[in-house]
Amino acid sequence: MNERINNYERDTVVPLIAFLLVEADGRVLSAGMLAEGVRRTGHICNTRMVRVCVNHIRRNNIIPCLAATNKGYFVAHNDCEITETINSLEGRVESIQEVISALKEQRYIKFNH
């Protein structure tokens, strides 16, 4: 699996973000709130780092059913909450695939005539 996380993020930031999310007990925490929580422990963190770490947490089953809304991240307490996150991610995949297809067609038209 292609790791997109550095050692500092994996060894320091991931455990802190995981702790904050578990302690939130289902409350939604924005990327900004999580970054601030990490910074309060004296470590460097920004919202990009939070997104990378959340991706790592999800892919490695560190916190099962880590869900998200447009307002932030939370640990899902029921099937509906995680299903909404899955549906949202699937919609994003479909949208990205449509853009890829359009760009391939545009590339062909622009550069192969």
PDB file of N, CA and C in Angstrom:
ATOM      1  N   MET A   1       0.852  -1.196   0.000  1.00  0.00           N
ATOM      2  CA  MET A   1       0.000   0.000   0.000  1.00  0.00           C
ATOM      3  C   MET A   1       0.888   1.247   0.000  1.00  0.00           C
ATOM      4  N   ASN A   2       0.527   2.194  -0.793  1.00  0.00           N
ATOM      5  CA  ASN A   2       1.294   3.433  -0.917  1.00  0.00           C
ATOM      6  C   ASN A   2       1.034   4.333   0.294  1.00  0.00           C
ATOM      7  N   GLU A   3       2.034   4.490   1.138  1.00  0.00           N
ATOM      8  CA  GLU A   3       1.896   5.362   2.309  1.00  0.00           C
ATOM      9  C   GLU A   3       2.066   6.813   1.897  1.00  0.00           C
ATOM     10  N   ARG A   4       1.156   7.655   2.300  1.00  0.00           N
ATOM     11  CA  ARG A   4       1.220   9.080   1.996  1.00  0.00           C
ATOM     12  C   ARG A   4       1.443   9.878   3.278  1.00  0.00           C
ATOM     13  N   ILE A   5       2.109   9.259   4.222  1.00  0.00           N
ATOM     14  CA  ILE A   5       2.259   9.864   5.541  1.00  0.00           C
ATOM     15  C   ILE A   5       3.727   9.758   5.956  1.00  0.00           C
ATOM     16  N   ASN A   6       4.236  10.800   6.579  1.00  0.00           N
ATOM     17  CA  ASN A   6       5.638  10.733   7.016  1.00  0.00           C
ATOM     18  C   ASN A   6       5.714  10.197   8.449  1.00  0.00           C
ATOM     19  N   ASN A   7       6.925   9.960   8.923  1.00  0.00           N
ATOM     20  CA  ASN A   7       7.117   9.361  10.253  1.00  0.00           C
ATOM     21  C   ASN A   7       6.559  10.234  11.360  1.00  0.00           C
ATOM     22  N   TYR A   8       6.759  11.553  11.267  1.00  0.00           N
ATOM     23  CA  TYR A   8       6.238  12.462  12.289  1.00  0.00           C
ATOM     24  C   TYR A   8       4.715  12.371  12.359  1.00  0.00           C
ATOM     25  N   GLU A   9       4.081  12.399  11.210  1.00  0.00           N
ATOM     26  CA  GLU A   9       2.617  12.306  11.197  1.00  0.00           C
ATOM     27  C   GLU A   9       2.156  10.975  11.777  1.00  0.00           C
ATOM     28  N   ARG A  10       2.784   9.876  11.336  1.00  0.00           N
ATOM     29  CA  ARG A  10       2.378   8.547  11.794  1.00  0.00           C
ATOM     30  C   ARG A  10       2.631   8.342  13.289  1.00  0.00           C
ATOM     31  N   ASP A  11       3.799   8.757  13.767  1.00  0.00           N
ATOM     32  CA  ASP A  11       4.192   8.452  15.142  1.00  0.00           C
ATOM     33  C   ASP A  11       3.704   9.464  16.171  1.00  0.00           C
ATOM     34  N   THR A  12       3.471  10.698  15.752  1.00  0.00           N
ATOM     35  CA  THR A  12       3.105  11.753  16.700  1.00  0.00           C
ATOM     36  C   THR A  12       1.693  12.270  16.490  1.00  0.00           C
ATOM     37  N   VAL A  13       1.379  12.666  15.256  1.00  0.00           N
ATOM     38  CA  VAL A  13       0.097  13.333  15.011  1.00  0.00           C
ATOM     39  C   VAL A  13      -1.068  12.346  14.984  1.00  0.00           C
ATOM     40  N   VAL A  14      -0.892  11.203  14.347  1.00  0.00           N
ATOM     41  CA  VAL A  14      -1.987  10.218  14.286  1.00  0.00           C
ATOM     42  C   VAL A  14      -2.486   9.829  15.681  1.00  0.00           C
ATOM     43  N   PRO A  15      -1.601   9.466  16.615  1.00  0.00           N
ATOM     44  CA  PRO A  15      -2.110   9.103  17.951  1.00  0.00           C
ATOM     45  C   PRO A  15      -2.859  10.254  18.636  1.00  0.00           C
ATOM     46  N   LEU A  16      -2.393  11.483  18.436  1.00  0.00           N
ATOM     47  CA  LEU A  16      -3.070  12.630  19.054  1.00  0.00           C
ATOM     48  C   LEU A  16      -4.447  12.860  18.433  1.00  0.00           C
ATOM     49  N   ILE A  17      -4.531  12.781  17.113  1.00  0.00           N
ATOM     50  CA  ILE A  17      -5.828  12.955  16.448  1.00  0.00           C
ATOM     51  C   ILE A  17      -6.772  11.826  16.839  1.00  0.00           C
ATOM     52  N   ALA A  18      -6.261  10.599  16.878  1.00  0.00           N
ATOM     53  CA  ALA A  18      -7.094   9.460  17.270  1.00  0.00           C
ATOM     54  C   ALA A  18      -7.631   9.655  18.684  1.00  0.00           C
ATOM     55  N   PHE A  19      -6.794  10.105  19.579  1.00  0.00           N
ATOM     56  CA  PHE A  19      -7.231  10.363  20.951  1.00  0.00           C
ATOM     57  C   PHE A  19      -8.348  11.410  20.982  1.00  0.00           C
ATOM     58  N   LEU A  20      -8.153  12.509  20.268  1.00  0.00           N
ATOM     59  CA  LEU A  20      -9.151  13.584  20.250  1.00  0.00           C
ATOM     60  C   LEU A  20     -10.481  13.090  19.696  1.00  0.00           C
ATOM     61  N   LEU A  21     -10.436  12.298  18.641  1.00  0.00           N
ATOM     62  CA  LEU A  21     -11.674  11.800  18.039  1.00  0.00           C
ATOM     63  C   LEU A  21     -12.401  10.822  18.949  1.00  0.00           C
ATOM     64  N   VAL A  22     -11.665   9.934  19.577  1.00  0.00           N
ATOM     65  CA  VAL A  22     -12.297   8.970  20.496  1.00  0.00           C
ATOM     66  C   VAL A  22     -12.882   9.697  21.698  1.00  0.00           C
ATOM     67  N   GLU A  23     -12.132  10.645  22.236  1.00  0.00           N
ATOM     68  CA  GLU A  23     -12.618  11.413  23.390  1.00  0.00           C
ATOM     69  C   GLU A  23     -13.847  12.266  23.057  1.00  0.00           C
ATOM     70  N   ALA A  24     -13.990  12.668  21.803  1.00  0.00           N
ATOM     71  CA  ALA A  24     -15.135  13.488  21.395  1.00  0.00           C
ATOM     72  C   ALA A  24     -16.440  12.694  21.451  1.00  0.00           C
ATOM     73  N   ASP A  25     -16.348  11.371  21.482  1.00  0.00           N
ATOM     74  CA  ASP A  25     -17.493  10.485  21.663  1.00  0.00           C
ATOM     75  C   ASP A  25     -18.644  10.809  20.697  1.00  0.00           C
ATOM     76  N   GLY A  26     -18.306  10.900  19.413  1.00  0.00           N
ATOM     77  CA  GLY A  26     -19.338  11.110  18.402  1.00  0.00           C
ATOM     78  C   GLY A  26     -19.579  12.557  18.015  1.00  0.00           C
ATOM     79  N   ARG A  27     -19.024  13.501  18.787  1.00  0.00           N
ATOM     80  CA  ARG A  27     -19.167  14.914  18.396  1.00  0.00           C
ATOM     81  C   ARG A  27     -18.304  15.179  17.178  1.00  0.00           C
ATOM     82  N   VAL A  28     -18.761  16.062  16.319  1.00  0.00           N
ATOM     83  CA  VAL A  28     -18.030  16.400  15.102  1.00  0.00           C
ATOM     84  C   VAL A  28     -16.899  17.368  15.433  1.00  0.00           C
ATOM     85  N   LEU A  29     -15.695  17.025  14.974  1.00  0.00           N
ATOM     86  CA  LEU A  29     -14.528  17.892  15.145  1.00  0.00           C
ATOM     87  C   LEU A  29     -14.011  18.272  13.763  1.00  0.00           C
ATOM     88  N   SER A  30     -13.939  19.548  13.492  1.00  0.00           N
ATOM     89  CA  SER A  30     -13.431  20.009  12.200  1.00  0.00           C
ATOM     90  C   SER A  30     -11.925  19.773  12.119  1.00  0.00           C
ATOM     91  N   ALA A  31     -11.407  19.821  10.893  1.00  0.00           N
ATOM     92  CA  ALA A  31      -9.953  19.685  10.707  1.00  0.00           C
ATOM     93  C   ALA A  31      -9.224  20.781  11.472  1.00  0.00           C
ATOM     94  N   GLY A  32      -9.793  21.981  11.486  1.00  0.00           N
ATOM     95  CA  GLY A  32      -9.187  23.082  12.236  1.00  0.00           C
ATOM     96  C   GLY A  32      -9.161  22.820  13.726  1.00  0.00           C
ATOM     97  N   MET A  33     -10.248  22.255  14.251  1.00  0.00           N
ATOM     98  CA  MET A  33     -10.297  21.929  15.677  1.00  0.00           C
ATOM     99  C   MET A  33      -9.275  20.852  16.025  1.00  0.00           C
ATOM    100  N   LEU A  34      -9.154  19.853  15.163  1.00  0.00           N
ATOM    101  CA  LEU A  34      -8.188  18.785  15.411  1.00  0.00           C
ATOM    102  C   LEU A  34      -6.754  19.319  15.338  1.00  0.00           C
ATOM    103  N   ALA A  35      -6.482  20.153  14.339  1.00  0.00           N
ATOM    104  CA  ALA A  35      -5.133  20.740  14.232  1.00  0.00           C
ATOM    105  C   ALA A  35      -4.817  21.569  15.471  1.00  0.00           C
ATOM    106  N   GLU A  36      -5.773  22.352  15.929  1.00  0.00           N
ATOM    107  CA  GLU A  36      -5.568  23.167  17.133  1.00  0.00           C
ATOM    108  C   GLU A  36      -5.344  22.278  18.355  1.00  0.00           C
ATOM    109  N   GLY A  37      -6.092  21.183  18.452  1.00  0.00           N
ATOM    110  CA  GLY A  37      -5.906  20.252  19.563  1.00  0.00           C
ATOM    111  C   GLY A  37      -4.506  19.670  19.589  1.00  0.00           C
ATOM    112  N   VAL A  38      -3.982  19.343  18.416  1.00  0.00           N
ATOM    113  CA  VAL A  38      -2.612  18.824  18.334  1.00  0.00           C
ATOM    114  C   VAL A  38      -1.618  19.923  18.708  1.00  0.00           C
ATOM    115  N   ARG A  39      -1.829  21.128  18.195  1.00  0.00           N
ATOM    116  CA  ARG A  39      -0.908  22.242  18.506  1.00  0.00           C
ATOM    117  C   ARG A  39      -0.889  22.555  19.998  1.00  0.00           C
ATOM    118  N   ARG A  40      -2.005  22.363  20.655  1.00  0.00           N
ATOM    119  CA  ARG A  40      -2.055  22.628  22.104  1.00  0.00           C
ATOM    120  C   ARG A  40      -1.169  21.681  22.893  1.00  0.00           C
ATOM    121  N   THR A  41      -0.788  20.557  22.293  1.00  0.00           N
ATOM    122  CA  THR A  41       0.133  19.636  22.970  1.00  0.00           C
ATOM    123  C   THR A  41       1.585  20.004  22.683  1.00  0.00           C
ATOM    124  N   GLY A  42       1.792  21.089  21.918  1.00  0.00           N
ATOM    125  CA  GLY A  42       3.137  21.546  21.615  1.00  0.00           C
ATOM    126  C   GLY A  42       3.700  21.019  20.305  1.00  0.00           C
ATOM    127  N   HIS A  43       2.864  20.393  19.504  1.00  0.00           N
ATOM    128  CA  HIS A  43       3.322  19.831  18.232  1.00  0.00           C
ATOM    129  C   HIS A  43       2.820  20.667  17.060  1.00  0.00           C
ATOM    130  N   ILE A  44       3.502  20.540  15.955  1.00  0.00           N
ATOM    131  CA  ILE A  44       3.127  21.241  14.730  1.00  0.00           C
ATOM    132  C   ILE A  44       2.019  20.454  14.034  1.00  0.00           C
ATOM    133  N   CYS A  45       0.975  21.156  13.574  1.00  0.00           N
ATOM    134  CA  CYS A  45      -0.103  20.505  12.841  1.00  0.00           C
ATOM    135  C   CYS A  45      -0.906  21.558  12.091  1.00  0.00           C
ATOM    136  N   ASN A  46      -1.341  21.208  10.883  1.00  0.00           N
ATOM    137  CA  ASN A  46      -2.243  22.060  10.119  1.00  0.00           C
ATOM    138  C   ASN A  46      -3.359  21.187   9.538  1.00  0.00           C
ATOM    139  N   THR A  47      -4.298  21.800   8.852  1.00  0.00           N
ATOM    140  CA  THR A  47      -5.452  21.032   8.369  1.00  0.00           C
ATOM    141  C   THR A  47      -5.076  20.030   7.281  1.00  0.00           C
ATOM    142  N   ARG A  48      -4.061  20.329   6.477  1.00  0.00           N
ATOM    143  CA  ARG A  48      -3.607  19.353   5.483  1.00  0.00           C
ATOM    144  C   ARG A  48      -3.102  18.099   6.182  1.00  0.00           C
ATOM    145  N   MET A  49      -2.345  18.301   7.244  1.00  0.00           N
ATOM    146  CA  MET A  49      -1.804  17.189   8.007  1.00  0.00           C
ATOM    147  C   MET A  49      -2.937  16.370   8.633  1.00  0.00           C
ATOM    148  N   VAL A  50      -3.967  17.056   9.106  1.00  0.00           N
ATOM    149  CA  VAL A  50      -5.121  16.356   9.675  1.00  0.00           C
ATOM    150  C   VAL A  50      -5.742  15.445   8.624  1.00  0.00           C
ATOM    151  N   ARG A  51      -5.963  15.953   7.414  1.00  0.00           N
ATOM    152  CA  ARG A  51      -6.576  15.142   6.354  1.00  0.00           C
ATOM    153  C   ARG A  51      -5.719  13.919   6.018  1.00  0.00           C
ATOM    154  N   VAL A  52      -4.413  14.099   5.946  1.00  0.00           N
ATOM    155  CA  VAL A  52      -3.508  12.981   5.674  1.00  0.00           C
ATOM    156  C   VAL A  52      -3.601  11.948   6.792  1.00  0.00           C
ATOM    157  N   CYS A  53      -3.618  12.417   8.018  1.00  0.00           N
ATOM    158  CA  CYS A  53      -3.669  11.512   9.172  1.00  0.00           C
ATOM    159  C   CYS A  53      -5.015  10.806   9.273  1.00  0.00           C
ATOM    160  N   VAL A  54      -6.098  11.506   8.993  1.00  0.00           N
ATOM    161  CA  VAL A  54      -7.421  10.866   9.011  1.00  0.00           C
ATOM    162  C   VAL A  54      -7.472   9.768   7.949  1.00  0.00           C
ATOM    163  N   ASN A  55      -6.923  10.034   6.780  1.00  0.00           N
ATOM    164  CA  ASN A  55      -6.876   9.016   5.732  1.00  0.00           C
ATOM    165  C   ASN A  55      -6.112   7.791   6.231  1.00  0.00           C
ATOM    166  N   HIS A  56      -4.984   8.009   6.886  1.00  0.00           N
ATOM    167  CA  HIS A  56      -4.186   6.918   7.437  1.00  0.00           C
ATOM    168  C   HIS A  56      -4.973   6.154   8.513  1.00  0.00           C
ATOM    169  N   ILE A  57      -5.632   6.882   9.384  1.00  0.00           N
ATOM    170  CA  ILE A  57      -6.437   6.262  10.447  1.00  0.00           C
ATOM    171  C   ILE A  57      -7.508   5.362   9.840  1.00  0.00           C
ATOM    172  N   ARG A  58      -8.173   5.850   8.806  1.00  0.00           N
ATOM    173  CA  ARG A  58      -9.233   5.059   8.164  1.00  0.00           C
ATOM    174  C   ARG A  58      -8.662   3.835   7.462  1.00  0.00           C
ATOM    175  N   ARG A  59      -7.610   4.015   6.660  1.00  0.00           N
ATOM    176  CA  ARG A  59      -7.060   2.912   5.870  1.00  0.00           C
ATOM    177  C   ARG A  59      -6.445   1.823   6.732  1.00  0.00           C
ATOM    178  N   ASN A  60      -6.012   2.165   7.931  1.00  0.00           N
ATOM    179  CA  ASN A  60      -5.352   1.201   8.808  1.00  0.00           C
ATOM    180  C   ASN A  60      -6.223   0.757   9.982  1.00  0.00           C
ATOM    181  N   ASN A  61      -7.504   1.060   9.921  1.00  0.00           N
ATOM    182  CA  ASN A  61      -8.468   0.599  10.935  1.00  0.00           C
ATOM    183  C   ASN A  61      -8.070   0.992  12.352  1.00  0.00           C
ATOM    184  N   ILE A  62      -7.485   2.158  12.495  1.00  0.00           N
ATOM    185  CA  ILE A  62      -7.075   2.616  13.827  1.00  0.00           C
ATOM    186  C   ILE A  62      -8.303   3.008  14.638  1.00  0.00           C
ATOM    187  N   ILE A  63      -9.261   3.653  13.988  1.00  0.00           N
ATOM    188  CA  ILE A  63     -10.567   3.945  14.600  1.00  0.00           C
ATOM    189  C   ILE A  63     -11.620   3.431  13.624  1.00  0.00           C
ATOM    190  N   PRO A  64     -12.287   2.330  13.943  1.00  0.00           N
ATOM    191  CA  PRO A  64     -13.322   1.828  13.044  1.00  0.00           C
ATOM    192  C   PRO A  64     -14.450   2.850  12.860  1.00  0.00           C
ATOM    193  N   CYS A  65     -14.913   2.942  11.623  1.00  0.00           N
ATOM    194  CA  CYS A  65     -16.073   3.767  11.269  1.00  0.00           C
ATOM    195  C   CYS A  65     -15.865   5.246  11.581  1.00  0.00           C
ATOM    196  N   LEU A  66     -14.713   5.768  11.201  1.00  0.00           N
ATOM    197  CA  LEU A  66     -14.442   7.193  11.327  1.00  0.00           C
ATOM    198  C   LEU A  66     -15.174   7.898  10.189  1.00  0.00           C
ATOM    199  N   ALA A  67     -16.233   8.577  10.516  1.00  0.00           N
ATOM    200  CA  ALA A  67     -17.134   9.195   9.545  1.00  0.00           C
ATOM    201  C   ALA A  67     -16.807  10.673   9.386  1.00  0.00           C
ATOM    202  N   ALA A  68     -17.499  11.306   8.426  1.00  0.00           N
ATOM    203  CA  ALA A  68     -17.276  12.729   8.187  1.00  0.00           C
ATOM    204  C   ALA A  68     -18.529  13.362   7.599  1.00  0.00           C
ATOM    205  N   THR A  69     -18.656  14.643   7.870  1.00  0.00           N
ATOM    206  CA  THR A  69     -19.644  15.482   7.203  1.00  0.00           C
ATOM    207  C   THR A  69     -18.874  16.676   6.672  1.00  0.00           C
ATOM    208  N   ASN A  70     -19.587  17.612   6.078  1.00  0.00           N
ATOM    209  CA  ASN A  70     -18.911  18.823   5.618  1.00  0.00           C
ATOM    210  C   ASN A  70     -18.437  19.676   6.790  1.00  0.00           C
ATOM    211  N   LYS A  71     -18.818  19.320   7.995  1.00  0.00           N
ATOM    212  CA  LYS A  71     -18.409  20.072   9.187  1.00  0.00           C
ATOM    213  C   LYS A  71     -17.228  19.449   9.920  1.00  0.00           C
ATOM    214  N   GLY A  72     -16.887  18.198   9.582  1.00  0.00           N
ATOM    215  CA  GLY A  72     -15.760  17.586  10.246  1.00  0.00           C
ATOM    216  C   GLY A  72     -15.877  16.080  10.391  1.00  0.00           C
ATOM    217  N   TYR A  73     -15.074  15.547  11.289  1.00  0.00           N
ATOM    218  CA  TYR A  73     -14.929  14.105  11.492  1.00  0.00           C
ATOM    219  C   TYR A  73     -15.541  13.679  12.825  1.00  0.00           C
ATOM    220  N   PHE A  74     -16.033  12.438  12.858  1.00  0.00           N
ATOM    221  CA  PHE A  74     -16.578  11.879  14.089  1.00  0.00           C
ATOM    222  C   PHE A  74     -16.604  10.367  13.991  1.00  0.00           C
ATOM    223  N   VAL A  75     -16.667   9.710  15.140  1.00  0.00           N
ATOM    224  CA  VAL A  75     -16.783   8.257  15.164  1.00  0.00           C
ATOM    225  C   VAL A  75     -18.269   7.921  15.081  1.00  0.00           C
ATOM    226  N   ALA A  76     -18.634   7.194  14.024  1.00  0.00           N
ATOM    227  CA  ALA A  76     -20.040   6.834  13.808  1.00  0.00           C
ATOM    228  C   ALA A  76     -20.526   5.897  14.909  1.00  0.00           C
ATOM    229  N   HIS A  77     -21.745   6.160  15.364  1.00  0.00           N
ATOM    230  CA  HIS A  77     -22.360   5.315  16.391  1.00  0.00           C
ATOM    231  C   HIS A  77     -23.443   4.409  15.841  1.00  0.00           C
ATOM    232  N   ASN A  78     -23.748   4.561  14.539  1.00  0.00           N
ATOM    233  CA  ASN A  78     -24.756   3.690  13.952  1.00  0.00           C
ATOM    234  C   ASN A  78     -24.492   3.507  12.458  1.00  0.00           C
ATOM    235  N   ASP A  79     -25.176   2.557  11.875  1.00  0.00           N
ATOM    236  CA  ASP A  79     -24.996   2.206  10.474  1.00  0.00           C
ATOM    237  C   ASP A  79     -25.296   3.387   9.553  1.00  0.00           C
ATOM    238  N   CYS A  80     -26.306   4.149   9.850  1.00  0.00           N
ATOM    239  CA  CYS A  80     -26.707   5.270   9.002  1.00  0.00           C
ATOM    240  C   CYS A  80     -25.589   6.303   8.886  1.00  0.00           C
ATOM    241  N   GLU A  81     -24.928   6.610   9.991  1.00  0.00           N
ATOM    242  CA  GLU A  81     -23.862   7.614   9.977  1.00  0.00           C
ATOM    243  C   GLU A  81     -22.702   7.200   9.078  1.00  0.00           C
ATOM    244  N   ILE A  82     -22.291   5.956   9.171  1.00  0.00           N
ATOM    245  CA  ILE A  82     -21.166   5.529   8.342  1.00  0.00           C
ATOM    246  C   ILE A  82     -21.601   5.321   6.899  1.00  0.00           C
ATOM    247  N   THR A  83     -22.832   4.904   6.687  1.00  0.00           N
ATOM    248  CA  THR A  83     -23.349   4.747   5.325  1.00  0.00           C
ATOM    249  C   THR A  83     -23.378   6.084   4.598  1.00  0.00           C
ATOM    250  N   GLU A  84     -23.750   7.156   5.294  1.00  0.00           N
ATOM    251  CA  GLU A  84     -23.749   8.484   4.676  1.00  0.00           C
ATOM    252  C   GLU A  84     -22.339   8.880   4.243  1.00  0.00           C
ATOM    253  N   THR A  85     -21.344   8.565   5.053  1.00  0.00           N
ATOM    254  CA  THR A  85     -19.962   8.861   4.690  1.00  0.00           C
ATOM    255  C   THR A  85     -19.531   8.027   3.487  1.00  0.00           C
ATOM    256  N   ILE A  86     -19.874   6.761   3.481  1.00  0.00           N
ATOM    257  CA  ILE A  86     -19.537   5.889   2.347  1.00  0.00           C
ATOM    258  C   ILE A  86     -20.181   6.419   1.067  1.00  0.00           C
ATOM    259  N   ASN A  87     -21.459   6.788   1.140  1.00  0.00           N
ATOM    260  CA  ASN A  87     -22.154   7.321  -0.034  1.00  0.00           C
ATOM    261  C   ASN A  87     -21.510   8.605  -0.528  1.00  0.00           C
ATOM    262  N   SER A  88     -21.104   9.462   0.378  1.00  0.00           N
ATOM    263  CA  SER A  88     -20.452  10.703   0.005  1.00  0.00           C
ATOM    264  C   SER A  88     -19.123  10.435  -0.706  1.00  0.00           C
ATOM    265  N   LEU A  89     -18.338   9.516  -0.171  1.00  0.00           N
ATOM    266  CA  LEU A  89     -17.057   9.166  -0.787  1.00  0.00           C
ATOM    267  C   LEU A  89     -17.255   8.543  -2.164  1.00  0.00           C
ATOM    268  N   GLU A  90     -18.258   7.663  -2.285  1.00  0.00           N
ATOM    269  CA  GLU A  90     -18.533   7.055  -3.587  1.00  0.00           C
ATOM    270  C   GLU A  90     -18.948   8.112  -4.609  1.00  0.00           C
ATOM    271  N   GLY A  91     -19.715   9.097  -4.189  1.00  0.00           N
ATOM    272  CA  GLY A  91     -20.108  10.186  -5.079  1.00  0.00           C
ATOM    273  C   GLY A  91     -18.910  10.994  -5.542  1.00  0.00           C
ATOM    274  N   ARG A  92     -17.976  11.212  -4.640  1.00  0.00           N
ATOM    275  CA  ARG A  92     -16.754  11.942  -5.007  1.00  0.00           C
ATOM    276  C   ARG A  92     -15.918  11.146  -6.000  1.00  0.00           C
ATOM    277  N   VAL A  93     -15.844   9.834  -5.813  1.00  0.00           N
ATOM    278  CA  VAL A  93     -15.109   8.981  -6.744  1.00  0.00           C
ATOM    279  C   VAL A  93     -15.738   9.086  -8.130  1.00  0.00           C
ATOM    280  N   GLU A  94     -17.057   9.000  -8.209  1.00  0.00           N
ATOM    281  CA  GLU A  94     -17.747   9.092  -9.494  1.00  0.00           C
ATOM    282  C   GLU A  94     -17.481  10.442 -10.153  1.00  0.00           C
ATOM    283  N   SER A  95     -17.534  11.503  -9.377  1.00  0.00           N
ATOM    284  CA  SER A  95     -17.288  12.838  -9.905  1.00  0.00           C
ATOM    285  C   SER A  95     -15.863  12.979 -10.423  1.00  0.00           C
ATOM    286  N   ILE A  96     -14.909  12.478  -9.681  1.00  0.00           N
ATOM    287  CA  ILE A  96     -13.504  12.533 -10.101  1.00  0.00           C
ATOM    288  C   ILE A  96     -13.316  11.720 -11.385  1.00  0.00           C
ATOM    289  N   GLN A  97     -13.954  10.561 -11.468  1.00  0.00           N
ATOM    290  CA  GLN A  97     -13.827   9.739 -12.675  1.00  0.00           C
ATOM    291  C   GLN A  97     -14.410  10.457 -13.887  1.00  0.00           C
ATOM    292  N   GLU A  98     -15.500  11.182 -13.715  1.00  0.00           N
ATOM    293  CA  GLU A  98     -16.079  11.959 -14.811  1.00  0.00           C
ATOM    294  C   GLU A  98     -15.105  13.043 -15.286  1.00  0.00           C
ATOM    295  N   VAL A  99     -14.432  13.703 -14.351  1.00  0.00           N
ATOM    296  CA  VAL A  99     -13.446  14.726 -14.718  1.00  0.00           C
ATOM    297  C   VAL A  99     -12.274  14.088 -15.460  1.00  0.00           C
ATOM    298  N   ILE A 100     -11.800  12.942 -14.988  1.00  0.00           N
ATOM    299  CA  ILE A 100     -10.698  12.248 -15.665  1.00  0.00           C
ATOM    300  C   ILE A 100     -11.087  11.912 -17.094  1.00  0.00           C
ATOM    301  N   SER A 101     -12.275  11.367 -17.279  1.00  0.00           N
ATOM    302  CA  SER A 101     -12.736  11.011 -18.626  1.00  0.00           C
ATOM    303  C   SER A 101     -12.829  12.236 -19.524  1.00  0.00           C
ATOM    304  N   ALA A 102     -13.380  13.330 -18.998  1.00  0.00           N
ATOM    305  CA  ALA A 102     -13.498  14.560 -19.783  1.00  0.00           C
ATOM    306  C   ALA A 102     -12.124  15.093 -20.170  1.00  0.00           C
ATOM    307  N   LEU A 103     -11.179  15.089 -19.238  1.00  0.00           N
ATOM    308  CA  LEU A 103      -9.835  15.589 -19.537  1.00  0.00           C
ATOM    309  C   LEU A 103      -9.115  14.715 -20.560  1.00  0.00           C
ATOM    310  N   LYS A 104      -9.315  13.420 -20.495  1.00  0.00           N
ATOM    311  CA  LYS A 104      -8.707  12.529 -21.496  1.00  0.00           C
ATOM    312  C   LYS A 104      -9.255  12.845 -22.882  1.00  0.00           C
ATOM    313  N   GLU A 105     -10.555  13.035 -22.969  1.00  0.00           N
ATOM    314  CA  GLU A 105     -11.170  13.381 -24.249  1.00  0.00           C
ATOM    315  C   GLU A 105     -10.656  14.728 -24.752  1.00  0.00           C
ATOM    316  N   GLN A 106     -10.579  15.703 -23.855  1.00  0.00           N
ATOM    317  CA  GLN A 106     -10.080  17.027 -24.228  1.00  0.00           C
ATOM    318  C   GLN A 106      -8.623  16.952 -24.685  1.00  0.00           C
ATOM    319  N   ARG A 107      -7.827  16.165 -23.982  1.00  0.00           N
ATOM    320  CA  ARG A 107      -6.419  15.990 -24.366  1.00  0.00           C
ATOM    321  C   ARG A 107      -6.318  15.413 -25.766  1.00  0.00           C
ATOM    322  N   TYR A 108      -7.133  14.400 -26.053  1.00  0.00           N
ATOM    323  CA  TYR A 108      -7.115  13.783 -27.371  1.00  0.00           C
ATOM    324  C   TYR A 108      -7.487  14.799 -28.452  1.00  0.00           C
ATOM    325  N   ILE A 109      -8.561  15.530 -28.204  1.00  0.00           N
ATOM    326  CA  ILE A 109      -9.026  16.521 -29.183  1.00  0.00           C
ATOM    327  C   ILE A 109      -7.979  17.620 -29.385  1.00  0.00           C
ATOM    328  N   LYS A 110      -7.405  18.107 -28.313  1.00  0.00           N
ATOM    329  CA  LYS A 110      -6.477  19.227 -28.409  1.00  0.00           C
ATOM    330  C   LYS A 110      -5.118  18.835 -28.995  1.00  0.00           C
ATOM    331  N   PHE A 111      -4.613  17.667 -28.647  1.00  0.00           N
ATOM    332  CA  PHE A 111      -3.235  17.352 -28.995  1.00  0.00           C
ATOM    333  C   PHE A 111      -3.076  16.268 -30.069  1.00  0.00           C
ATOM    334  N   ASN A 112      -4.145  15.660 -30.522  1.00  0.00           N
ATOM    335  CA  ASN A 112      -4.019  14.597 -31.522  1.00  0.00           C
ATOM    336  C   ASN A 112      -4.659  14.949 -32.847  1.00  0.00           C
ATOM    337  N   HIS A 113      -4.889  16.195 -33.096  1.00  0.00           N
ATOM    338  CA  HIS A 113      -5.434  16.619 -34.392  1.00  0.00           C
ATOM    339  C   HIS A 113      -4.341  17.140 -35.271  1.00  0.00           C
TER     340      HIS A 113
END
